[in-house]
Amino acid sequence: MELNDAVDEAVSSMPKDYVLRSFIVKNQAEVIGMLDTEYNEAEVRELFMEDGRAEERINTKREKKRADKAEARANEEKARADKAEEENKRLKEELAKLKTLIG
């Protein structure tokens, strides 16, 4: 139901001697404007939900950035460990050669 229709129906269902009836009838356009801008629960809920979604997108980006940095650090550590392992292997082989030469 449209707001205009709802106000018309509310006015027509009011008792004729109701104190606010004449005021509402006289100022119907203003009353409708006030009701229309007063509080729209669905609109407010949607705004809160959109704010939440926007914040979640920001948090998701932030967490992805943190995860990417952590992954990069882990990859660097793995590369260092692999390099150290290769160096260790090379030194063991060199030591074994020296031992065979000595004796």
PDB file of N, CA and C in Angstrom:
ATOM      1  N   MET A   1       0.858  -1.174   0.000  1.00  0.00           N
ATOM      2  CA  MET A   1       0.000   0.000   0.000  1.00  0.00           C
ATOM      3  C   MET A   1       0.904   1.237   0.000  1.00  0.00           C
ATOM      4  N   GLU A   2       0.561   2.182  -0.846  1.00  0.00           N
ATOM      5  CA  GLU A   2       1.306   3.437  -0.924  1.00  0.00           C
ATOM      6  C   GLU A   2       1.021   4.288   0.312  1.00  0.00           C
ATOM      7  N   LEU A   3       1.970   5.153   0.621  1.00  0.00           N
ATOM      8  CA  LEU A   3       1.843   5.995   1.805  1.00  0.00           C
ATOM      9  C   LEU A   3       0.621   6.906   1.721  1.00  0.00           C
ATOM     10  N   ASN A   4       0.373   7.497   0.553  1.00  0.00           N
ATOM     11  CA  ASN A   4      -0.811   8.367   0.390  1.00  0.00           C
ATOM     12  C   ASN A   4      -2.091   7.596   0.685  1.00  0.00           C
ATOM     13  N   ASP A   5      -2.160   6.392   0.132  1.00  0.00           N
ATOM     14  CA  ASP A   5      -3.359   5.568   0.363  1.00  0.00           C
ATOM     15  C   ASP A   5      -3.492   5.212   1.838  1.00  0.00           C
ATOM     16  N   ALA A   6      -2.380   4.915   2.482  1.00  0.00           N
ATOM     17  CA  ALA A   6      -2.419   4.558   3.899  1.00  0.00           C
ATOM     18  C   ALA A   6      -2.899   5.731   4.738  1.00  0.00           C
ATOM     19  N   VAL A   7      -2.416   6.938   4.431  1.00  0.00           N
ATOM     20  CA  VAL A   7      -2.859   8.129   5.185  1.00  0.00           C
ATOM     21  C   VAL A   7      -4.342   8.372   4.925  1.00  0.00           C
ATOM     22  N   ASP A   8      -4.773   8.267   3.666  1.00  0.00           N
ATOM     23  CA  ASP A   8      -6.209   8.444   3.352  1.00  0.00           C
ATOM     24  C   ASP A   8      -7.061   7.449   4.123  1.00  0.00           C
ATOM     25  N   GLU A   9      -6.611   6.194   4.154  1.00  0.00           N
ATOM     26  CA  GLU A   9      -7.363   5.161   4.867  1.00  0.00           C
ATOM     27  C   GLU A   9      -7.377   5.439   6.370  1.00  0.00           C
ATOM     28  N   ALA A  10      -6.233   5.887   6.909  1.00  0.00           N
ATOM     29  CA  ALA A  10      -6.171   6.200   8.337  1.00  0.00           C
ATOM     30  C   ALA A  10      -7.107   7.346   8.675  1.00  0.00           C
ATOM     31  N   VAL A  11      -7.137   8.377   7.841  1.00  0.00           N
ATOM     32  CA  VAL A  11      -8.016   9.529   8.081  1.00  0.00           C
ATOM     33  C   VAL A  11      -9.475   9.109   7.980  1.00  0.00           C
ATOM     34  N   SER A  12      -9.795   8.311   6.973  1.00  0.00           N
ATOM     35  CA  SER A  12     -11.209   7.912   6.808  1.00  0.00           C
ATOM     36  C   SER A  12     -11.680   6.983   7.920  1.00  0.00           C
ATOM     37  N   SER A  13     -10.750   6.247   8.532  1.00  0.00           N
ATOM     38  CA  SER A  13     -11.166   5.342   9.612  1.00  0.00           C
ATOM     39  C   SER A  13     -11.172   6.035  10.982  1.00  0.00           C
ATOM     40  N   MET A  14     -10.709   7.286  11.030  1.00  0.00           N
ATOM     41  CA  MET A  14     -10.726   8.026  12.308  1.00  0.00           C
ATOM     42  C   MET A  14     -12.145   8.493  12.608  1.00  0.00           C
ATOM     43  N   PRO A  15     -12.475   8.526  13.886  1.00  0.00           N
ATOM     44  CA  PRO A  15     -13.780   9.112  14.250  1.00  0.00           C
ATOM     45  C   PRO A  15     -13.817  10.583  13.826  1.00  0.00           C
ATOM     46  N   LYS A  16     -14.976  11.047  13.441  1.00  0.00           N
ATOM     47  CA  LYS A  16     -15.126  12.433  12.955  1.00  0.00           C
ATOM     48  C   LYS A  16     -14.730  13.467  14.009  1.00  0.00           C
ATOM     49  N   ASP A  17     -14.888  13.138  15.274  1.00  0.00           N
ATOM     50  CA  ASP A  17     -14.557  14.108  16.318  1.00  0.00           C
ATOM     51  C   ASP A  17     -13.137  13.919  16.875  1.00  0.00           C
ATOM     52  N   TYR A  18     -12.328  13.108  16.221  1.00  0.00           N
ATOM     53  CA  TYR A  18     -10.947  12.876  16.678  1.00  0.00           C
ATOM     54  C   TYR A  18     -10.166  14.175  16.549  1.00  0.00           C
ATOM     55  N   VAL A  19      -9.453  14.553  17.602  1.00  0.00           N
ATOM     56  CA  VAL A  19      -8.793  15.854  17.692  1.00  0.00           C
ATOM     57  C   VAL A  19      -7.797  16.080  16.553  1.00  0.00           C
ATOM     58  N   LEU A  20      -7.023  15.088  16.209  1.00  0.00           N
ATOM     59  CA  LEU A  20      -5.984  15.264  15.194  1.00  0.00           C
ATOM     60  C   LEU A  20      -6.499  15.146  13.762  1.00  0.00           C
ATOM     61  N   ARG A  21      -7.717  14.681  13.596  1.00  0.00           N
ATOM     62  CA  ARG A  21      -8.242  14.462  12.246  1.00  0.00           C
ATOM     63  C   ARG A  21      -8.197  15.729  11.406  1.00  0.00           C
ATOM     64  N   SER A  22      -8.700  16.832  11.902  1.00  0.00           N
ATOM     65  CA  SER A  22      -8.733  18.078  11.114  1.00  0.00           C
ATOM     66  C   SER A  22      -7.307  18.548  10.800  1.00  0.00           C
ATOM     67  N   PHE A  23      -6.408  18.382  11.744  1.00  0.00           N
ATOM     68  CA  PHE A  23      -5.009  18.767  11.512  1.00  0.00           C
ATOM     69  C   PHE A  23      -4.396  17.914  10.399  1.00  0.00           C
ATOM     70  N   ILE A  24      -4.616  16.613  10.464  1.00  0.00           N
ATOM     71  CA  ILE A  24      -4.042  15.707   9.461  1.00  0.00           C
ATOM     72  C   ILE A  24      -4.635  15.994   8.088  1.00  0.00           C
ATOM     73  N   VAL A  25      -5.925  16.202   8.029  1.00  0.00           N
ATOM     74  CA  VAL A  25      -6.576  16.499   6.741  1.00  0.00           C
ATOM     75  C   VAL A  25      -6.043  17.808   6.180  1.00  0.00           C
ATOM     76  N   LYS A  26      -5.935  18.832   7.039  1.00  0.00           N
ATOM     77  CA  LYS A  26      -5.476  20.154   6.604  1.00  0.00           C
ATOM     78  C   LYS A  26      -4.016  20.113   6.150  1.00  0.00           C
ATOM     79  N   ASN A  27      -3.217  19.313   6.805  1.00  0.00           N
ATOM     80  CA  ASN A  27      -1.769  19.272   6.540  1.00  0.00           C
ATOM     81  C   ASN A  27      -1.329  17.920   5.980  1.00  0.00           C
ATOM     82  N   GLN A  28      -2.203  17.313   5.180  1.00  0.00           N
ATOM     83  CA  GLN A  28      -1.951  15.950   4.725  1.00  0.00           C
ATOM     84  C   GLN A  28      -0.627  15.829   3.960  1.00  0.00           C
ATOM     85  N   ALA A  29      -0.312  16.773   3.113  1.00  0.00           N
ATOM     86  CA  ALA A  29       0.928  16.689   2.330  1.00  0.00           C
ATOM     87  C   ALA A  29       2.136  16.713   3.262  1.00  0.00           C
ATOM     88  N   GLU A  30       2.092  17.592   4.250  1.00  0.00           N
ATOM     89  CA  GLU A  30       3.201  17.682   5.214  1.00  0.00           C
ATOM     90  C   GLU A  30       3.292  16.402   6.061  1.00  0.00           C
ATOM     91  N   VAL A  31       2.166  15.884   6.464  1.00  0.00           N
ATOM     92  CA  VAL A  31       2.136  14.651   7.253  1.00  0.00           C
ATOM     93  C   VAL A  31       2.732  13.502   6.435  1.00  0.00           C
ATOM     94  N   ILE A  32       2.330  13.407   5.187  1.00  0.00           N
ATOM     95  CA  ILE A  32       2.853  12.346   4.317  1.00  0.00           C
ATOM     96  C   ILE A  32       4.362  12.513   4.152  1.00  0.00           C
ATOM     97  N   GLY A  33       4.803  13.737   3.927  1.00  0.00           N
ATOM     98  CA  GLY A  33       6.247  13.991   3.797  1.00  0.00           C
ATOM     99  C   GLY A  33       6.993  13.600   5.053  1.00  0.00           C
ATOM    100  N   MET A  34       6.427  13.942   6.206  1.00  0.00           N
ATOM    101  CA  MET A  34       7.066  13.598   7.475  1.00  0.00           C
ATOM    102  C   MET A  34       7.125  12.086   7.651  1.00  0.00           C
ATOM    103  N   LEU A  35       6.033  11.411   7.374  1.00  0.00           N
ATOM    104  CA  LEU A  35       6.004   9.954   7.516  1.00  0.00           C
ATOM    105  C   LEU A  35       6.961   9.290   6.532  1.00  0.00           C
ATOM    106  N   ASP A  36       7.059   9.842   5.348  1.00  0.00           N
ATOM    107  CA  ASP A  36       7.912   9.264   4.317  1.00  0.00           C
ATOM    108  C   ASP A  36       9.387   9.382   4.678  1.00  0.00           C
ATOM    109  N   THR A  37       9.763  10.466   5.337  1.00  0.00           N
ATOM    110  CA  THR A  37      11.170  10.674   5.670  1.00  0.00           C
ATOM    111  C   THR A  37      11.497  10.285   7.099  1.00  0.00           C
ATOM    112  N   GLU A  38      10.493   9.961   7.877  1.00  0.00           N
ATOM    113  CA  GLU A  38      10.700   9.702   9.299  1.00  0.00           C
ATOM    114  C   GLU A  38      11.615   8.502   9.547  1.00  0.00           C
ATOM    115  N   TYR A  39      11.168   7.323   9.281  1.00  0.00           N
ATOM    116  CA  TYR A  39      11.969   6.137   9.596  1.00  0.00           C
ATOM    117  C   TYR A  39      11.504   4.990   8.730  1.00  0.00           C
ATOM    118  N   ASN A  40      12.368   4.575   7.866  1.00  0.00           N
ATOM    119  CA  ASN A  40      12.064   3.450   7.000  1.00  0.00           C
ATOM    120  C   ASN A  40      12.949   2.298   7.470  1.00  0.00           C
ATOM    121  N   GLU A  41      12.369   1.396   8.227  1.00  0.00           N
ATOM    122  CA  GLU A  41      13.133   0.319   8.859  1.00  0.00           C
ATOM    123  C   GLU A  41      13.889  -0.524   7.837  1.00  0.00           C
ATOM    124  N   ALA A  42      13.233  -0.857   6.749  1.00  0.00           N
ATOM    125  CA  ALA A  42      13.896  -1.684   5.728  1.00  0.00           C
ATOM    126  C   ALA A  42      15.083  -0.954   5.133  1.00  0.00           C
ATOM    127  N   GLU A  43      14.930   0.324   4.876  1.00  0.00           N
ATOM    128  CA  GLU A  43      16.018   1.119   4.308  1.00  0.00           C
ATOM    129  C   GLU A  43      17.180   1.226   5.294  1.00  0.00           C
ATOM    130  N   VAL A  44      16.855   1.473   6.549  1.00  0.00           N
ATOM    131  CA  VAL A  44      17.901   1.572   7.573  1.00  0.00           C
ATOM    132  C   VAL A  44      18.612   0.230   7.739  1.00  0.00           C
ATOM    133  N   ARG A  45      17.858  -0.840   7.756  1.00  0.00           N
ATOM    134  CA  ARG A  45      18.454  -2.180   7.865  1.00  0.00           C
ATOM    135  C   ARG A  45      19.401  -2.426   6.694  1.00  0.00           C
ATOM    136  N   GLU A  46      18.958  -2.067   5.487  1.00  0.00           N
ATOM    137  CA  GLU A  46      19.802  -2.258   4.302  1.00  0.00           C
ATOM    138  C   GLU A  46      21.073  -1.410   4.388  1.00  0.00           C
ATOM    139  N   LEU A  47      20.946  -0.190   4.901  1.00  0.00           N
ATOM    140  CA  LEU A  47      22.137   0.654   5.069  1.00  0.00           C
ATOM    141  C   LEU A  47      23.119   0.025   6.052  1.00  0.00           C
ATOM    142  N   PHE A  48      22.602  -0.488   7.165  1.00  0.00           N
ATOM    143  CA  PHE A  48      23.479  -1.165   8.124  1.00  0.00           C
ATOM    144  C   PHE A  48      24.126  -2.393   7.499  1.00  0.00           C
ATOM    145  N   MET A  49      23.343  -3.133   6.738  1.00  0.00           N
ATOM    146  CA  MET A  49      23.891  -4.332   6.100  1.00  0.00           C
ATOM    147  C   MET A  49      24.973  -3.954   5.094  1.00  0.00           C
ATOM    148  N   GLU A  50      24.732  -2.903   4.328  1.00  0.00           N
ATOM    149  CA  GLU A  50      25.732  -2.466   3.346  1.00  0.00           C
ATOM    150  C   GLU A  50      26.996  -1.985   4.055  1.00  0.00           C
ATOM    151  N   ASP A  51      26.827  -1.260   5.157  1.00  0.00           N
ATOM    152  CA  ASP A  51      27.999  -0.846   5.936  1.00  0.00           C
ATOM    153  C   ASP A  51      28.774  -2.065   6.420  1.00  0.00           C
ATOM    154  N   GLY A  52      28.046  -3.069   6.882  1.00  0.00           N
ATOM    155  CA  GLY A  52      28.690  -4.298   7.336  1.00  0.00           C
ATOM    156  C   GLY A  52      29.416  -5.006   6.205  1.00  0.00           C
ATOM    157  N   ARG A  53      28.776  -5.040   5.036  1.00  0.00           N
ATOM    158  CA  ARG A  53      29.423  -5.681   3.887  1.00  0.00           C
ATOM    159  C   ARG A  53      30.670  -4.909   3.477  1.00  0.00           C
ATOM    160  N   ALA A  54      30.600  -3.577   3.499  1.00  0.00           N
ATOM    161  CA  ALA A  54      31.767  -2.765   3.138  1.00  0.00           C
ATOM    162  C   ALA A  54      32.901  -3.000   4.125  1.00  0.00           C
ATOM    163  N   GLU A  55      32.557  -3.044   5.409  1.00  0.00           N
ATOM    164  CA  GLU A  55      33.588  -3.293   6.418  1.00  0.00           C
ATOM    165  C   GLU A  55      34.175  -4.693   6.268  1.00  0.00           C
ATOM    166  N   GLU A  56      33.329  -5.655   5.938  1.00  0.00           N
ATOM    167  CA  GLU A  56      33.811  -7.028   5.729  1.00  0.00           C
ATOM    168  C   GLU A  56      34.759  -7.086   4.534  1.00  0.00           C
ATOM    169  N   ARG A  57      34.426  -6.319   3.472  1.00  0.00           N
ATOM    170  CA  ARG A  57      35.336  -6.282   2.314  1.00  0.00           C
ATOM    171  C   ARG A  57      36.687  -5.699   2.726  1.00  0.00           C
ATOM    172  N   ILE A  58      36.665  -4.652   3.538  1.00  0.00           N
ATOM    173  CA  ILE A  58      37.914  -4.044   4.014  1.00  0.00           C
ATOM    174  C   ILE A  58      38.683  -5.046   4.856  1.00  0.00           C
ATOM    175  N   ASN A  59      37.977  -5.724   5.775  1.00  0.00           N
ATOM    176  CA  ASN A  59      38.630  -6.725   6.626  1.00  0.00           C
ATOM    177  C   ASN A  59      39.189  -7.872   5.797  1.00  0.00           C
ATOM    178  N   THR A  60      38.430  -8.295   4.777  1.00  0.00           N
ATOM    179  CA  THR A  60      38.886  -9.383   3.920  1.00  0.00           C
ATOM    180  C   THR A  60      40.152  -8.983   3.179  1.00  0.00           C
ATOM    181  N   LYS A  61      40.173  -7.762   2.656  1.00  0.00           N
ATOM    182  CA  LYS A  61      41.375  -7.271   1.959  1.00  0.00           C
ATOM    183  C   LYS A  61      42.555  -7.208   2.920  1.00  0.00           C
ATOM    184  N   ARG A  62      42.290  -6.713   4.137  1.00  0.00           N
ATOM    185  CA  ARG A  62      43.351  -6.603   5.141  1.00  0.00           C
ATOM    186  C   ARG A  62      43.898  -7.981   5.501  1.00  0.00           C
ATOM    187  N   GLU A  63      42.989  -8.932   5.711  1.00  0.00           N
ATOM    188  CA  GLU A  63      43.420 -10.293   6.055  1.00  0.00           C
ATOM    189  C   GLU A  63      44.158 -10.952   4.900  1.00  0.00           C
ATOM    190  N   LYS A  64      43.715 -10.701   3.668  1.00  0.00           N
ATOM    191  CA  LYS A  64      44.403 -11.263   2.503  1.00  0.00           C
ATOM    192  C   LYS A  64      45.810 -10.689   2.410  1.00  0.00           C
ATOM    193  N   LYS A  65      45.933  -9.402   2.674  1.00  0.00           N
ATOM    194  CA  LYS A  65      47.254  -8.764   2.644  1.00  0.00           C
ATOM    195  C   LYS A  65      48.167  -9.384   3.704  1.00  0.00           C
ATOM    196  N   ARG A  66      47.627  -9.581   4.910  1.00  0.00           N
ATOM    197  CA  ARG A  66      48.407 -10.225   5.973  1.00  0.00           C
ATOM    198  C   ARG A  66      48.797 -11.655   5.588  1.00  0.00           C
ATOM    199  N   ALA A  67      47.850 -12.387   5.029  1.00  0.00           N
ATOM    200  CA  ALA A  67      48.118 -13.767   4.624  1.00  0.00           C
ATOM    201  C   ALA A  67      49.165 -13.810   3.516  1.00  0.00           C
ATOM    202  N   ASP A  68      49.078 -12.868   2.576  1.00  0.00           N
ATOM    203  CA  ASP A  68      50.068 -12.818   1.495  1.00  0.00           C
ATOM    204  C   ASP A  68      51.460 -12.528   2.047  1.00  0.00           C
ATOM    205  N   LYS A  69      51.539 -11.601   3.013  1.00  0.00           N
ATOM    206  CA  LYS A  69      52.844 -11.292   3.630  1.00  0.00           C
ATOM    207  C   LYS A  69      53.386 -12.506   4.377  1.00  0.00           C
ATOM    208  N   ALA A  70      52.504 -13.191   5.120  1.00  0.00           N
ATOM    209  CA  ALA A  70      52.929 -14.379   5.867  1.00  0.00           C
ATOM    210  C   ALA A  70      53.404 -15.463   4.909  1.00  0.00           C
ATOM    211  N   GLU A  71      52.706 -15.631   3.801  1.00  0.00           N
ATOM    212  CA  GLU A  71      53.105 -16.627   2.811  1.00  0.00           C
ATOM    213  C   GLU A  71      54.455 -16.264   2.192  1.00  0.00           C
ATOM    214  N   ALA A  72      54.653 -14.980   1.909  1.00  0.00           N
ATOM    215  CA  ALA A  72      55.929 -14.539   1.346  1.00  0.00           C
ATOM    216  C   ALA A  72      57.063 -14.806   2.338  1.00  0.00           C
ATOM    217  N   ARG A  73      56.828 -14.504   3.628  1.00  0.00           N
ATOM    218  CA  ARG A  73      57.853 -14.775   4.647  1.00  0.00           C
ATOM    219  C   ARG A  73      58.139 -16.269   4.746  1.00  0.00           C
ATOM    220  N   ALA A  74      57.096 -17.087   4.692  1.00  0.00           N
ATOM    221  CA  ALA A  74      57.272 -18.534   4.766  1.00  0.00           C
ATOM    222  C   ALA A  74      58.062 -19.040   3.559  1.00  0.00           C
ATOM    223  N   ASN A  75      57.766 -18.495   2.396  1.00  0.00           N
ATOM    224  CA  ASN A  75      58.502 -18.888   1.195  1.00  0.00           C
ATOM    225  C   ASN A  75      59.975 -18.484   1.287  1.00  0.00           C
ATOM    226  N   GLU A  76      60.231 -17.286   1.834  1.00  0.00           N
ATOM    227  CA  GLU A  76      61.621 -16.845   2.021  1.00  0.00           C
ATOM    228  C   GLU A  76      62.358 -17.758   2.997  1.00  0.00           C
ATOM    229  N   GLU A  77      61.691 -18.119   4.078  1.00  0.00           N
ATOM    230  CA  GLU A  77      62.306 -19.012   5.068  1.00  0.00           C
ATOM    231  C   GLU A  77      62.581 -20.387   4.461  1.00  0.00           C
ATOM    232  N   LYS A  78      61.640 -20.882   3.659  1.00  0.00           N
ATOM    233  CA  LYS A  78      61.837 -22.178   3.011  1.00  0.00           C
ATOM    234  C   LYS A  78      63.015 -22.108   2.044  1.00  0.00           C
ATOM    235  N   ALA A  79      63.103 -21.022   1.293  1.00  0.00           N
ATOM    236  CA  ALA A  79      64.215 -20.866   0.356  1.00  0.00           C
ATOM    237  C   ALA A  79      65.549 -20.832   1.103  1.00  0.00           C
ATOM    238  N   ARG A  80      65.580 -20.110   2.244  1.00  0.00           N
ATOM    239  CA  ARG A  80      66.812 -20.067   3.057  1.00  0.00           C
ATOM    240  C   ARG A  80      67.146 -21.451   3.604  1.00  0.00           C
ATOM    241  N   ALA A  81      66.127 -22.168   4.063  1.00  0.00           N
ATOM    242  CA  ALA A  81      66.349 -23.508   4.609  1.00  0.00           C
ATOM    243  C   ALA A  81      66.840 -24.454   3.516  1.00  0.00           C
ATOM    244  N   ASP A  82      66.233 -24.359   2.340  1.00  0.00           N
ATOM    245  CA  ASP A  82      66.683 -25.196   1.219  1.00  0.00           C
ATOM    246  C   ASP A  82      68.129 -24.883   0.846  1.00  0.00           C
ATOM    247  N   LYS A  83      68.459 -23.609   0.822  1.00  0.00           N
ATOM    248  CA  LYS A  83      69.828 -23.194   0.491  1.00  0.00           C
ATOM    249  C   LYS A  83      70.809 -23.706   1.550  1.00  0.00           C
ATOM    250  N   ALA A  84      70.414 -23.585   2.822  1.00  0.00           N
ATOM    251  CA  ALA A  84      71.276 -24.070   3.903  1.00  0.00           C
ATOM    252  C   ALA A  84      71.452 -25.586   3.822  1.00  0.00           C
ATOM    253  N   GLU A  85      70.385 -26.289   3.478  1.00  0.00           N
ATOM    254  CA  GLU A  85      70.454 -27.737   3.339  1.00  0.00           C
ATOM    255  C   GLU A  85      71.385 -28.126   2.188  1.00  0.00           C
ATOM    256  N   GLU A  86      71.285 -27.428   1.078  1.00  0.00           N
ATOM    257  CA  GLU A  86      72.186 -27.685  -0.060  1.00  0.00           C
ATOM    258  C   GLU A  86      73.640 -27.411   0.325  1.00  0.00           C
ATOM    259  N   GLU A  87      73.846 -26.328   1.046  1.00  0.00           N
ATOM    260  CA  GLU A  87      75.210 -25.992   1.490  1.00  0.00           C
ATOM    261  C   GLU A  87      75.735 -27.059   2.441  1.00  0.00           C
ATOM    262  N   ASN A  88      74.889 -27.512   3.345  1.00  0.00           N
ATOM    263  CA  ASN A  88      75.257 -28.574   4.284  1.00  0.00           C
ATOM    264  C   ASN A  88      75.636 -29.850   3.523  1.00  0.00           C
ATOM    265  N   LYS A  89      74.822 -30.198   2.530  1.00  0.00           N
ATOM    266  CA  LYS A  89      75.089 -31.386   1.713  1.00  0.00           C
ATOM    267  C   LYS A  89      76.422 -31.248   0.972  1.00  0.00           C
ATOM    268  N   ARG A  90      76.680 -30.057   0.402  1.00  0.00           N
ATOM    269  CA  ARG A  90      77.925 -29.815  -0.323  1.00  0.00           C
ATOM    270  C   ARG A  90      79.132 -29.937   0.599  1.00  0.00           C
ATOM    271  N   LEU A  91      79.005 -29.369   1.804  1.00  0.00           N
ATOM    272  CA  LEU A  91      80.110 -29.430   2.757  1.00  0.00           C
ATOM    273  C   LEU A  91      80.370 -30.867   3.211  1.00  0.00           C
ATOM    274  N   LYS A  92      79.307 -31.660   3.418  1.00  0.00           N
ATOM    275  CA  LYS A  92      79.483 -33.068   3.797  1.00  0.00           C
ATOM    276  C   LYS A  92      80.196 -33.831   2.687  1.00  0.00           C
ATOM    277  N   GLU A  93      79.817 -33.572   1.433  1.00  0.00           N
ATOM    278  CA  GLU A  93      80.470 -34.240   0.306  1.00  0.00           C
ATOM    279  C   GLU A  93      81.948 -33.843   0.232  1.00  0.00           C
ATOM    280  N   GLU A  94      82.211 -32.567   0.444  1.00  0.00           N
ATOM    281  CA  GLU A  94      83.596 -32.085   0.415  1.00  0.00           C
ATOM    282  C   GLU A  94      84.405 -32.707   1.552  1.00  0.00           C
ATOM    283  N   LEU A  95      83.787 -32.816   2.719  1.00  0.00           N
ATOM    284  CA  LEU A  95      84.455 -33.440   3.866  1.00  0.00           C
ATOM    285  C   LEU A  95      84.745 -34.909   3.586  1.00  0.00           C
ATOM    286  N   ALA A  96      83.786 -35.585   2.957  1.00  0.00           N
ATOM    287  CA  ALA A  96      83.994 -37.002   2.629  1.00  0.00           C
ATOM    288  C   ALA A  96      85.154 -37.142   1.634  1.00  0.00           C
ATOM    289  N   LYS A  97      85.281 -36.262   0.652  1.00  0.00           N
ATOM    290  CA  LYS A  97      86.392 -36.296  -0.304  1.00  0.00           C
ATOM    291  C   LYS A  97      87.728 -36.089   0.399  1.00  0.00           C
ATOM    292  N   LEU A  98      87.722 -35.121   1.312  1.00  0.00           N
ATOM    293  CA  LEU A  98      88.968 -34.835   2.055  1.00  0.00           C
ATOM    294  C   LEU A  98      89.371 -36.017   2.915  1.00  0.00           C
ATOM    295  N   LYS A  99      88.384 -36.688   3.528  1.00  0.00           N
ATOM    296  CA  LYS A  99      88.687 -37.845   4.362  1.00  0.00           C
ATOM    297  C   LYS A  99      89.290 -38.970   3.508  1.00  0.00           C
ATOM    298  N   THR A 100      88.788 -39.145   2.268  1.00  0.00           N
ATOM    299  CA  THR A 100      89.337 -40.193   1.401  1.00  0.00           C
ATOM    300  C   THR A 100      90.739 -39.832   0.942  1.00  0.00           C
ATOM    301  N   LEU A 101      91.029 -38.547   0.768  1.00  0.00           N
ATOM    302  CA  LEU A 101      92.354 -38.128   0.375  1.00  0.00           C
ATOM    303  C   LEU A 101      93.377 -38.313   1.510  1.00  0.00           C
ATOM    304  N   ILE A 102      92.933 -38.028   2.726  1.00  0.00           N
ATOM    305  CA  ILE A 102      93.801 -38.136   3.904  1.00  0.00           C
ATOM    306  C   ILE A 102      93.969 -39.591   4.255  1.00  0.00           C
ATOM    307  N   GLY A 103      93.003 -40.263   4.099  1.00  0.00           N
ATOM    308  CA  GLY A 103      93.003 -41.509   4.406  1.00  0.00           C
ATOM    309  C   GLY A 103      92.897 -42.776   4.730  1.00  0.00           C
TER     310      GLY A 103
END
